């Protein structure tokens, strides 16, 4: 995709062809809510990592082509990473994957 726009979240790169990374700075006790719309041929996951790359939260994947939803309250201010993992994408017409990512920060 190589594109993201928001006042708070920035595209930070990709790892090979199956993970996109978004960077966001949060204050202590901010609540980050992430929603991900995916195609019927995609098996996607959303993870939130802290600045040391430790996992803070991970979405549950129940089925292909469903909305992923993740909400997490961070305890420490700092940089966090939202990881969109689409390693399981398959199917005709979707060999590169697509998705729509939405993020909301509330205090």
N, C-alpha and C. Protein backbone atom coordinates (compact mmCIF):
# COMPACT_ATOMS: atom_id res chain seq x y z
N UNK A 1 0.83 -1.19 0.00
CA UNK A 1 0.00 0.00 0.00
C UNK A 1 0.88 1.25 0.00
N UNK A 2 1.83 1.32 0.90
CA UNK A 2 2.74 2.46 1.00
C UNK A 2 2.03 3.79 1.13
N UNK A 3 0.88 3.81 1.77
CA UNK A 3 0.18 5.08 1.94
C UNK A 3 -0.66 5.05 3.20
N UNK A 4 -0.59 6.11 3.95
CA UNK A 4 -1.46 6.29 5.11
C UNK A 4 -1.48 7.78 5.41
N UNK A 5 -2.62 8.28 5.84
CA UNK A 5 -2.68 9.68 6.23
C UNK A 5 -3.51 9.80 7.48
N UNK A 6 -3.01 10.57 8.38
CA UNK A 6 -3.72 10.89 9.61
C UNK A 6 -2.91 11.94 10.32
N UNK A 7 -3.54 12.62 11.25
CA UNK A 7 -2.80 13.57 12.07
C UNK A 7 -1.96 12.84 13.10
N UNK A 8 -2.25 11.57 13.39
CA UNK A 8 -1.56 10.87 14.47
C UNK A 8 -0.81 9.62 14.04
N UNK A 9 -1.15 9.02 12.91
CA UNK A 9 -0.55 7.74 12.53
C UNK A 9 0.15 7.90 11.18
N UNK A 10 1.36 7.36 11.09
CA UNK A 10 2.17 7.48 9.88
C UNK A 10 2.61 6.11 9.40
N UNK A 11 2.66 5.96 8.09
CA UNK A 11 3.19 4.73 7.51
C UNK A 11 4.68 4.68 7.81
N UNK A 12 5.16 3.57 8.34
CA UNK A 12 6.56 3.48 8.76
C UNK A 12 7.34 2.41 8.02
N UNK A 13 6.73 1.73 7.07
CA UNK A 13 7.47 0.76 6.29
C UNK A 13 6.79 -0.59 6.23
N UNK A 14 7.49 -1.49 5.56
CA UNK A 14 6.96 -2.84 5.38
C UNK A 14 8.08 -3.85 5.56
N UNK A 15 7.71 -5.05 5.90
CA UNK A 15 8.64 -6.15 6.03
C UNK A 15 8.30 -7.17 4.95
N UNK A 16 9.17 -7.27 3.99
CA UNK A 16 8.91 -8.12 2.82
C UNK A 16 7.62 -7.66 2.15
N UNK A 17 6.73 -8.58 1.83
CA UNK A 17 5.50 -8.18 1.16
C UNK A 17 4.25 -8.55 1.94
N UNK A 18 4.39 -8.78 3.25
CA UNK A 18 3.21 -9.28 3.96
C UNK A 18 2.92 -8.55 5.27
N UNK A 19 3.65 -7.51 5.60
CA UNK A 19 3.41 -6.77 6.83
C UNK A 19 3.59 -5.28 6.56
N UNK A 20 2.61 -4.48 6.95
CA UNK A 20 2.74 -3.04 6.89
C UNK A 20 2.81 -2.51 8.32
N UNK A 21 3.63 -1.47 8.53
CA UNK A 21 3.88 -0.94 9.86
C UNK A 21 3.49 0.53 9.91
N UNK A 22 2.71 0.89 10.90
CA UNK A 22 2.30 2.27 11.12
C UNK A 22 2.77 2.72 12.49
N UNK A 23 3.27 3.93 12.57
CA UNK A 23 3.84 4.47 13.81
C UNK A 23 2.90 5.53 14.37
N UNK A 24 2.71 5.50 15.69
CA UNK A 24 1.85 6.47 16.34
C UNK A 24 2.43 6.81 17.72
N UNK A 25 2.34 8.06 18.11
CA UNK A 25 2.79 8.50 19.43
C UNK A 25 1.56 8.69 20.31
N UNK A 26 1.58 8.03 21.46
CA UNK A 26 0.43 8.07 22.37
C UNK A 26 0.85 8.60 23.73
N UNK A 27 -0.11 9.18 24.43
CA UNK A 27 0.10 9.62 25.81
C UNK A 27 -0.33 8.51 26.75
N UNK A 28 0.14 8.57 27.97
CA UNK A 28 -0.28 7.59 28.97
C UNK A 28 -1.80 7.62 29.11
N UNK A 29 -2.40 6.46 29.16
CA UNK A 29 -3.84 6.24 29.30
C UNK A 29 -4.66 6.58 28.06
N UNK A 30 -4.01 6.86 26.92
CA UNK A 30 -4.73 6.96 25.66
C UNK A 30 -5.30 5.60 25.31
N UNK A 31 -6.45 5.61 24.66
CA UNK A 31 -7.05 4.37 24.16
C UNK A 31 -6.95 4.40 22.64
N UNK A 32 -6.25 3.43 22.09
CA UNK A 32 -6.11 3.30 20.65
C UNK A 32 -7.09 2.24 20.18
N UNK A 33 -7.98 2.63 19.28
CA UNK A 33 -8.94 1.70 18.69
C UNK A 33 -8.63 1.59 17.21
N UNK A 34 -8.43 0.37 16.75
CA UNK A 34 -8.07 0.11 15.36
C UNK A 34 -9.12 -0.80 14.75
N UNK A 35 -9.57 -0.44 13.54
CA UNK A 35 -10.49 -1.28 12.78
C UNK A 35 -9.87 -1.55 11.42
N UNK A 36 -10.05 -2.75 10.93
CA UNK A 36 -9.44 -3.16 9.67
C UNK A 36 -10.48 -3.89 8.84
N UNK A 37 -10.79 -3.34 7.67
CA UNK A 37 -11.68 -4.01 6.72
C UNK A 37 -10.80 -4.77 5.74
N UNK A 38 -11.14 -6.03 5.51
CA UNK A 38 -10.31 -6.87 4.65
C UNK A 38 -11.18 -7.59 3.62
N UNK A 39 -10.58 -8.03 2.51
CA UNK A 39 -11.34 -8.74 1.49
C UNK A 39 -11.66 -10.17 1.91
N UNK A 40 -12.57 -10.78 1.16
CA UNK A 40 -12.98 -12.16 1.47
C UNK A 40 -11.84 -13.15 1.28
N UNK A 41 -10.81 -12.77 0.55
CA UNK A 41 -9.69 -13.69 0.31
C UNK A 41 -8.52 -13.42 1.24
N UNK A 42 -8.75 -12.63 2.29
CA UNK A 42 -7.62 -12.27 3.14
C UNK A 42 -7.73 -12.77 4.56
N UNK A 43 -6.62 -13.21 5.09
CA UNK A 43 -6.51 -13.62 6.49
C UNK A 43 -5.56 -12.62 7.14
N UNK A 44 -6.11 -11.57 7.74
CA UNK A 44 -5.33 -10.46 8.26
C UNK A 44 -5.31 -10.48 9.79
N UNK A 45 -4.27 -9.87 10.37
CA UNK A 45 -4.18 -9.67 11.81
C UNK A 45 -3.70 -8.25 12.08
N UNK A 46 -4.08 -7.72 13.21
CA UNK A 46 -3.61 -6.41 13.64
C UNK A 46 -2.92 -6.60 14.99
N UNK A 47 -1.72 -6.03 15.12
CA UNK A 47 -0.98 -6.09 16.37
C UNK A 47 -0.59 -4.67 16.77
N UNK A 48 -0.43 -4.45 18.05
CA UNK A 48 0.12 -3.20 18.56
C UNK A 48 1.37 -3.57 19.35
N UNK A 49 2.48 -2.93 19.01
CA UNK A 49 3.75 -3.14 19.68
C UNK A 49 4.20 -1.84 20.33
N UNK A 50 4.97 -1.95 21.41
CA UNK A 50 5.53 -0.75 22.02
C UNK A 50 6.87 -0.41 21.36
N UNK A 51 7.55 0.61 21.85
CA UNK A 51 8.79 1.08 21.23
C UNK A 51 9.89 0.04 21.25
N UNK A 52 9.83 -0.91 22.18
CA UNK A 52 10.83 -1.98 22.24
C UNK A 52 10.38 -3.21 21.44
N UNK A 53 9.30 -3.07 20.68
CA UNK A 53 8.73 -4.11 19.83
C UNK A 53 8.11 -5.27 20.61
N UNK A 54 7.76 -5.02 21.87
CA UNK A 54 7.03 -6.01 22.65
C UNK A 54 5.54 -5.91 22.30
N UNK A 55 4.88 -7.04 22.17
CA UNK A 55 3.46 -7.04 21.82
C UNK A 55 2.61 -6.50 22.96
N UNK A 56 1.76 -5.53 22.65
CA UNK A 56 0.85 -4.93 23.62
C UNK A 56 -0.54 -5.53 23.45
N UNK A 57 -0.94 -5.77 22.19
CA UNK A 57 -2.26 -6.33 21.91
C UNK A 57 -2.25 -6.98 20.53
N UNK A 58 -3.21 -7.91 20.32
CA UNK A 58 -3.33 -8.62 19.05
C UNK A 58 -4.81 -8.90 18.80
N UNK A 59 -5.24 -8.70 17.56
CA UNK A 59 -6.64 -8.96 17.24
C UNK A 59 -6.89 -10.46 17.12
N UNK A 60 -8.15 -10.84 17.30
CA UNK A 60 -8.58 -12.22 17.09
C UNK A 60 -9.01 -12.37 15.64
N UNK A 61 -8.52 -13.39 14.99
CA UNK A 61 -8.91 -13.66 13.61
C UNK A 61 -9.91 -14.82 13.65
N UNK A 62 -11.13 -14.55 13.26
CA UNK A 62 -12.16 -15.58 13.29
C UNK A 62 -12.49 -16.11 11.90
N UNK A 63 -12.39 -15.25 10.89
CA UNK A 63 -12.74 -15.68 9.54
C UNK A 63 -12.13 -14.72 8.53
N UNK A 64 -12.02 -15.18 7.33
CA UNK A 64 -11.53 -14.33 6.26
C UNK A 64 -12.62 -13.34 5.87
N UNK A 65 -12.21 -12.16 5.47
CA UNK A 65 -13.15 -11.18 4.95
C UNK A 65 -13.99 -10.51 6.00
N UNK A 66 -13.55 -10.48 7.24
CA UNK A 66 -14.32 -9.87 8.31
C UNK A 66 -13.60 -8.62 8.82
N UNK A 67 -14.35 -7.76 9.48
CA UNK A 67 -13.73 -6.61 10.15
C UNK A 67 -12.91 -7.11 11.32
N UNK A 68 -11.70 -6.64 11.41
CA UNK A 68 -10.87 -6.87 12.59
C UNK A 68 -11.06 -5.66 13.49
N UNK A 69 -11.09 -5.88 14.79
CA UNK A 69 -11.28 -4.79 15.74
C UNK A 69 -10.35 -5.01 16.91
N UNK A 70 -9.69 -3.94 17.33
CA UNK A 70 -8.76 -4.02 18.45
C UNK A 70 -8.79 -2.70 19.20
N UNK A 71 -8.91 -2.78 20.51
CA UNK A 71 -8.89 -1.58 21.34
C UNK A 71 -7.97 -1.84 22.52
N UNK A 72 -7.06 -0.89 22.77
CA UNK A 72 -6.09 -1.09 23.85
C UNK A 72 -5.80 0.25 24.53
N UNK A 73 -5.76 0.22 25.86
CA UNK A 73 -5.36 1.40 26.62
C UNK A 73 -3.88 1.26 26.95
N UNK A 74 -3.09 2.26 26.57
CA UNK A 74 -1.65 2.19 26.84
C UNK A 74 -1.36 2.83 28.19
N UNK A 75 -0.45 2.25 28.91
CA UNK A 75 -0.14 2.74 30.26
C UNK A 75 1.00 3.75 30.27
N UNK A 76 1.87 3.67 29.26
CA UNK A 76 3.02 4.57 29.20
C UNK A 76 2.98 5.40 27.93
N UNK A 77 3.36 6.67 28.04
CA UNK A 77 3.47 7.53 26.87
C UNK A 77 4.64 7.06 26.02
N UNK A 78 4.52 7.24 24.71
CA UNK A 78 5.64 6.89 23.84
C UNK A 78 5.20 6.52 22.45
N UNK A 79 6.13 5.98 21.70
CA UNK A 79 5.89 5.53 20.33
C UNK A 79 5.35 4.11 20.36
N UNK A 80 4.34 3.86 19.55
CA UNK A 80 3.77 2.53 19.39
C UNK A 80 3.67 2.23 17.90
N UNK A 81 3.59 0.94 17.58
CA UNK A 81 3.51 0.51 16.19
C UNK A 81 2.25 -0.33 16.00
N UNK A 82 1.49 0.01 14.97
CA UNK A 82 0.34 -0.79 14.56
C UNK A 82 0.82 -1.63 13.38
N UNK A 83 0.73 -2.92 13.53
CA UNK A 83 1.20 -3.85 12.51
C UNK A 83 0.00 -4.48 11.83
N UNK A 84 -0.06 -4.37 10.51
CA UNK A 84 -1.09 -5.05 9.73
C UNK A 84 -0.39 -6.23 9.05
N UNK A 85 -0.71 -7.43 9.52
CA UNK A 85 -0.08 -8.66 9.03
C UNK A 85 -1.05 -9.33 8.07
N UNK A 86 -0.68 -9.34 6.81
CA UNK A 86 -1.55 -9.99 5.82
C UNK A 86 -0.82 -11.13 5.12
N UNK A 87 -0.10 -11.91 5.89
CA UNK A 87 0.67 -13.02 5.35
C UNK A 87 -0.21 -14.13 4.79
N UNK A 88 -1.43 -14.25 5.27
CA UNK A 88 -2.30 -15.34 4.83
C UNK A 88 -3.19 -15.01 3.65
N UNK A 89 -2.91 -13.91 2.96
CA UNK A 89 -3.77 -13.51 1.85
C UNK A 89 -3.60 -14.47 0.69
N UNK A 90 -4.70 -14.87 0.11
CA UNK A 90 -4.66 -15.76 -1.05
C UNK A 90 -5.89 -15.57 -1.90
N UNK A 91 -5.98 -16.30 -2.95
CA UNK A 91 -7.16 -16.26 -3.80
C UNK A 91 -6.95 -15.46 -5.05
N UNK A 92 -7.67 -15.82 -6.08
CA UNK A 92 -7.56 -15.17 -7.38
C UNK A 92 -7.97 -13.70 -7.28
N UNK A 93 -7.19 -12.84 -7.88
CA UNK A 93 -7.52 -11.42 -7.91
C UNK A 93 -7.08 -10.66 -6.67
N UNK A 94 -6.47 -11.34 -5.72
CA UNK A 94 -6.03 -10.63 -4.51
C UNK A 94 -4.67 -11.15 -4.05
N UNK A 95 -3.77 -11.36 -4.99
CA UNK A 95 -2.47 -11.90 -4.61
C UNK A 95 -1.57 -10.85 -3.97
N UNK A 96 -1.92 -9.57 -4.02
CA UNK A 96 -1.14 -8.55 -3.37
C UNK A 96 -1.80 -8.03 -2.10
N UNK A 97 -3.06 -8.30 -1.92
CA UNK A 97 -3.76 -7.89 -0.71
C UNK A 97 -4.18 -6.43 -0.73
N UNK A 98 -5.26 -6.13 -0.07
CA UNK A 98 -5.71 -4.76 0.16
C UNK A 98 -6.48 -4.76 1.46
N UNK A 99 -6.57 -3.59 2.04
CA UNK A 99 -7.33 -3.44 3.27
C UNK A 99 -7.58 -1.97 3.51
N UNK A 100 -8.51 -1.69 4.41
CA UNK A 100 -8.77 -0.33 4.86
C UNK A 100 -8.55 -0.30 6.36
N UNK A 101 -7.65 0.57 6.81
CA UNK A 101 -7.31 0.66 8.22
C UNK A 101 -7.84 1.97 8.78
N UNK A 102 -8.53 1.89 9.91
CA UNK A 102 -9.00 3.07 10.61
C UNK A 102 -8.48 3.06 12.02
N UNK A 103 -8.03 4.22 12.51
CA UNK A 103 -7.51 4.30 13.87
C UNK A 103 -8.10 5.52 14.57
N UNK A 104 -8.47 5.35 15.82
CA UNK A 104 -9.03 6.41 16.63
C UNK A 104 -8.31 6.43 17.97
N UNK A 105 -7.91 7.62 18.39
CA UNK A 105 -7.26 7.76 19.70
C UNK A 105 -8.17 8.60 20.58
N UNK A 106 -8.48 8.08 21.76
CA UNK A 106 -9.28 8.83 22.72
C UNK A 106 -8.56 8.83 24.06
N UNK A 107 -8.90 9.82 24.87
CA UNK A 107 -8.25 9.93 26.18
C UNK A 107 -9.23 9.65 27.28
